[in-house]
C-alpha atoms as a PDB file:
ATOM      1  CA  MET A   1       0.000   0.000   0.000  1.00  0.00           C
ATOM      2  CA  VAL A   2       2.874   2.370   0.764  1.00  0.00           C
ATOM      3  CA  ILE A   3       4.396   1.766  -2.668  1.00  0.00           C
ATOM      4  CA  PHE A   4       1.006   2.433  -4.277  1.00  0.00           C
ATOM      5  CA  ASN A   5       0.711   5.740  -2.398  1.00  0.00           C
ATOM      6  CA  ILE A   6       4.223   6.801  -3.405  1.00  0.00           C
ATOM      7  CA  PHE A   7       3.589   6.025  -7.075  1.00  0.00           C
ATOM      8  CA  VAL A   8       0.241   7.808  -7.022  1.00  0.00           C
ATOM      9  CA  ALA A   9       1.729  10.887  -5.343  1.00  0.00           C
ATOM     10  CA  LEU A  10       4.616  11.025  -7.811  1.00  0.00           C
ATOM     11  CA  ALA A  11       2.348  10.413 -10.800  1.00  0.00           C
ATOM     12  CA  LEU A  12      -0.098  13.048  -9.594  1.00  0.00           C
ATOM     13  CA  ALA A  13       2.635  15.649  -9.116  1.00  0.00           C
ATOM     14  CA  VAL A  14       4.078  14.998 -12.571  1.00  0.00           C
ATOM     15  CA  ALA A  15       0.644  14.915 -14.214  1.00  0.00           C
ATOM     16  CA  LEU A  16      -0.407  18.180 -12.566  1.00  0.00           C
ATOM     17  CA  ILE A  17       2.757  19.968 -13.664  1.00  0.00           C
ATOM     18  CA  VAL A  18       2.850  18.632 -17.217  1.00  0.00           C
ATOM     19  CA  GLU A  19      -0.875  18.815 -17.917  1.00  0.00           C
ATOM     20  CA  SER A  20      -1.189  22.302 -16.423  1.00  0.00           C
ATOM     21  CA  LEU A  21       1.686  23.563 -18.572  1.00  0.00           C
ATOM     22  CA  VAL A  22       0.244  22.013 -21.727  1.00  0.00           C
ATOM     23  CA  GLY A  23      -3.207  23.385 -20.844  1.00  0.00           C
ATOM     24  CA  LEU A  24      -1.781  26.869 -20.322  1.00  0.00           C
ATOM     25  CA  ILE A  25       0.076  26.707 -23.627  1.00  0.00           C
ATOM     26  CA  TYR A  26      -3.106  25.584 -25.395  1.00  0.00           C
ATOM     27  CA  ALA A  27      -5.234  28.323 -23.809  1.00  0.00           C
ATOM     28  CA  ARG A  28      -2.563  31.042 -23.716  1.00  0.00           C
ATOM     29  CA  HIS A  29      -4.717  33.557 -25.599  1.00  0.00           C
ATOM     30  CA  GLU A  30      -8.044  32.547 -24.089  1.00  0.00           C
ATOM     31  CA  ASP A  31      -9.972  33.972 -21.137  1.00  0.00           C
ATOM     32  CA  TYR A  32     -10.774  30.555 -19.680  1.00  0.00           C
ATOM     33  CA  LYS A  33      -7.240  29.648 -18.502  1.00  0.00           C
ATOM     34  CA  VAL A  34      -8.145  29.573 -14.798  1.00  0.00           C
ATOM     35  CA  LYS A  35     -11.229  27.428 -15.348  1.00  0.00           C
ATOM     36  CA  LEU A  36      -9.202  25.069 -17.508  1.00  0.00           C
ATOM     37  CA  LEU A  37      -6.533  24.747 -14.814  1.00  0.00           C
ATOM     38  CA  VAL A  38      -9.157  23.989 -12.170  1.00  0.00           C
ATOM     39  CA  ALA A  39     -10.647  21.324 -14.449  1.00  0.00           C
ATOM     40  CA  ILE A  40      -7.217  19.806 -15.069  1.00  0.00           C
ATOM     41  CA  VAL A  41      -6.464  19.632 -11.345  1.00  0.00           C
ATOM     42  CA  LEU A  42      -9.860  18.125 -10.523  1.00  0.00           C
ATOM     43  CA  GLY A  43      -9.625  15.668 -13.399  1.00  0.00           C
ATOM     44  CA  ASN A  44      -6.214  14.473 -12.272  1.00  0.00           C
ATOM     45  CA  LEU A  45      -7.318  14.110  -8.666  1.00  0.00           C
ATOM     46  CA  ILE A  46      -9.912  11.660  -9.971  1.00  0.00           C
ATOM     47  CA  THR A  47      -8.129   9.879 -12.816  1.00  0.00           C
ATOM     48  CA  VAL A  48      -4.539   9.457 -11.585  1.00  0.00           C
ATOM     49  CA  PRO A  49      -5.508   7.266  -8.612  1.00  0.00           C
ATOM     50  CA  LEU A  50      -7.863   5.280 -10.876  1.00  0.00           C
ATOM     51  CA  VAL A  51      -5.168   4.641 -13.486  1.00  0.00           C
ATOM     52  CA  TRP A  52      -2.674   3.485 -10.869  1.00  0.00           C
ATOM     53  CA  PHE A  53      -5.288   1.397  -9.062  1.00  0.00           C
ATOM     54  CA  PHE A  54      -6.023  -0.518 -12.275  1.00  0.00           C
ATOM     55  CA  PHE A  55      -2.307  -0.936 -12.936  1.00  0.00           C
ATOM     56  CA  PHE A  56      -1.588  -2.338  -9.466  1.00  0.00           C
ATOM     57  CA  GLU A  57      -4.783  -4.387  -9.095  1.00  0.00           C
ATOM     58  CA  VAL A  58      -5.027  -5.939 -12.540  1.00  0.00           C
ATOM     59  CA  GLY A  59      -1.289  -6.315 -12.692  1.00  0.00           C
ATOM     60  CA  VAL A  60       1.587  -6.004 -15.019  1.00  0.00           C
ATOM     61  CA  GLY A  61       0.660  -9.271 -16.735  1.00  0.00           C
ATOM     62  CA  LEU A  62      -2.175  -7.512 -18.520  1.00  0.00           C
ATOM     63  CA  ILE A  63      -0.344  -4.243 -19.084  1.00  0.00           C
ATOM     64  CA  TRP A  64      -1.134  -4.409 -22.813  1.00  0.00           C
ATOM     65  CA  LEU A  65      -4.818  -4.107 -21.854  1.00  0.00           C
ATOM     66  CA  VAL A  66      -4.694  -2.045 -18.668  1.00  0.00           C
ATOM     67  CA  VAL A  67      -2.655   0.874 -19.991  1.00  0.00           C
ATOM     68  CA  PRO A  68      -4.769   1.658 -23.076  1.00  0.00           C
ATOM     69  CA  LEU A  69      -8.082   1.174 -21.244  1.00  0.00           C
ATOM     70  CA  SER A  70      -7.063   3.271 -18.262  1.00  0.00           C
ATOM     71  CA  GLN A  71      -5.644   6.036 -20.464  1.00  0.00           C
ATOM     72  CA  VAL A  72      -8.733   6.160 -22.678  1.00  0.00           C
ATOM     73  CA  SER A  73     -10.888   6.282 -19.546  1.00  0.00           C
ATOM     74  CA  ALA A  74      -8.789   9.150 -18.176  1.00  0.00           C
ATOM     75  CA  VAL A  75      -9.110  11.079 -21.441  1.00  0.00           C
ATOM     76  CA  ILE A  76     -12.892  10.689 -21.498  1.00  0.00           C
ATOM     77  CA  ILE A  77     -13.372  11.570 -17.818  1.00  0.00           C
ATOM     78  CA  GLU A  78     -11.094  14.603 -18.058  1.00  0.00           C
ATOM     79  CA  ALA A  79     -12.758  15.781 -21.298  1.00  0.00           C
ATOM     80  CA  VAL A  80     -16.150  15.734 -19.580  1.00  0.00           C
ATOM     81  CA  ILE A  81     -14.748  17.637 -16.596  1.00  0.00           C
ATOM     82  CA  ILE A  82     -13.072  20.204 -18.868  1.00  0.00           C
ATOM     83  CA  LYS A  83     -16.304  20.702 -20.836  1.00  0.00           C
ATOM     84  CA  ASN A  84     -18.308  21.176 -17.634  1.00  0.00           C
ATOM     85  CA  PHE A  85     -15.877  23.753 -16.223  1.00  0.00           C
ATOM     86  CA  VAL A  86     -15.218  25.629 -19.454  1.00  0.00           C
ATOM     87  CA  LYS A  87     -18.730  26.127 -20.795  1.00  0.00           C
ATOM     88  CA  LYS A  88     -17.618  27.913 -23.962  1.00  0.00           C
ATOM     89  CA  LEU A  89     -15.822  24.790 -25.185  1.00  0.00           C
ATOM     90  CA  LYS A  90     -17.644  22.212 -27.227  1.00  0.00           C
ATOM     91  CA  TYR A  91     -17.035  18.519 -26.500  1.00  0.00           C
ATOM     92  CA  PRO A  92     -14.707  17.935 -29.484  1.00  0.00           C
ATOM     93  CA  GLU A  93     -12.361  20.715 -28.323  1.00  0.00           C
ATOM     94  CA  ALA A  94     -12.507  19.523 -24.702  1.00  0.00           C
ATOM     95  CA  PHE A  95     -11.636  16.057 -25.993  1.00  0.00           C
ATOM     96  CA  ILE A  96      -8.698  17.414 -28.012  1.00  0.00           C
ATOM     97  CA  ILE A  97      -7.375  19.269 -24.963  1.00  0.00           C
ATOM     98  CA  SER A  98      -7.741  16.135 -22.857  1.00  0.00           C
ATOM     99  CA  VAL A  99      -5.901  14.032 -25.432  1.00  0.00           C
ATOM    100  CA  LEU A 100      -3.079  16.584 -25.685  1.00  0.00           C
ATOM    101  CA  ILE A 101      -2.555  16.917 -21.941  1.00  0.00           C
ATOM    102  CA  ASN A 102      -2.792  13.177 -21.324  1.00  0.00           C
ATOM    103  CA  VAL A 103      -0.402  12.266 -24.139  1.00  0.00           C
ATOM    104  CA  ALA A 104       2.109  14.783 -22.774  1.00  0.00           C
ATOM    105  CA  SER A 105       1.703  13.414 -19.251  1.00  0.00           C
ATOM    106  CA  TYR A 106       1.911   9.785 -20.352  1.00  0.00           C
ATOM    107  CA  LEU A 107       5.020  10.358 -22.469  1.00  0.00           C
ATOM    108  CA  THR A 108       6.683  12.256 -19.622  1.00  0.00           C
ATOM    109  CA  GLY A 109       6.018   9.305 -17.324  1.00  0.00           C
ATOM    110  CA  GLU A 110       7.326   6.832 -19.896  1.00  0.00           C
ATOM    111  CA  ILE A 111      10.523   8.841 -20.352  1.00  0.00           C
ATOM    112  CA  TYR A 112      10.986   9.205 -16.588  1.00  0.00           C
ATOM    113  CA  PHE A 113      10.464   5.520 -15.823  1.00  0.00           C
ATOM    114  CA  SER A 114      12.720   4.450 -18.705  1.00  0.00           C
ATOM    115  CA  LEU A 115      15.541   6.493 -17.153  1.00  0.00           C
ATOM    116  CA  ILE A 116      15.318   5.070 -13.631  1.00  0.00           C
END
């Protein structure tokens, strides 16, 4: 359980930094930056523990299934949260933002874990 908590805390910190930066870059000329950041933080507080829970509970043996399913779930959940916080966005744009921030976060994690 301690290892799970450490991984979740580390993953959450990295996801919040990376996804917030990507979100700010995406919305740099928009008036909804603060709402987008709040949505990103809330989305990550929900999805990061879920992704890591599935990884630890289902196990590494099914990583080929767990990773894509958990990442797609995170993208969908975060897109809905972004859309609900940033009313002026339509669902396709909220989905694009969610994909961008999650790809950046995922790749950052992959690079980090490949180096340790």
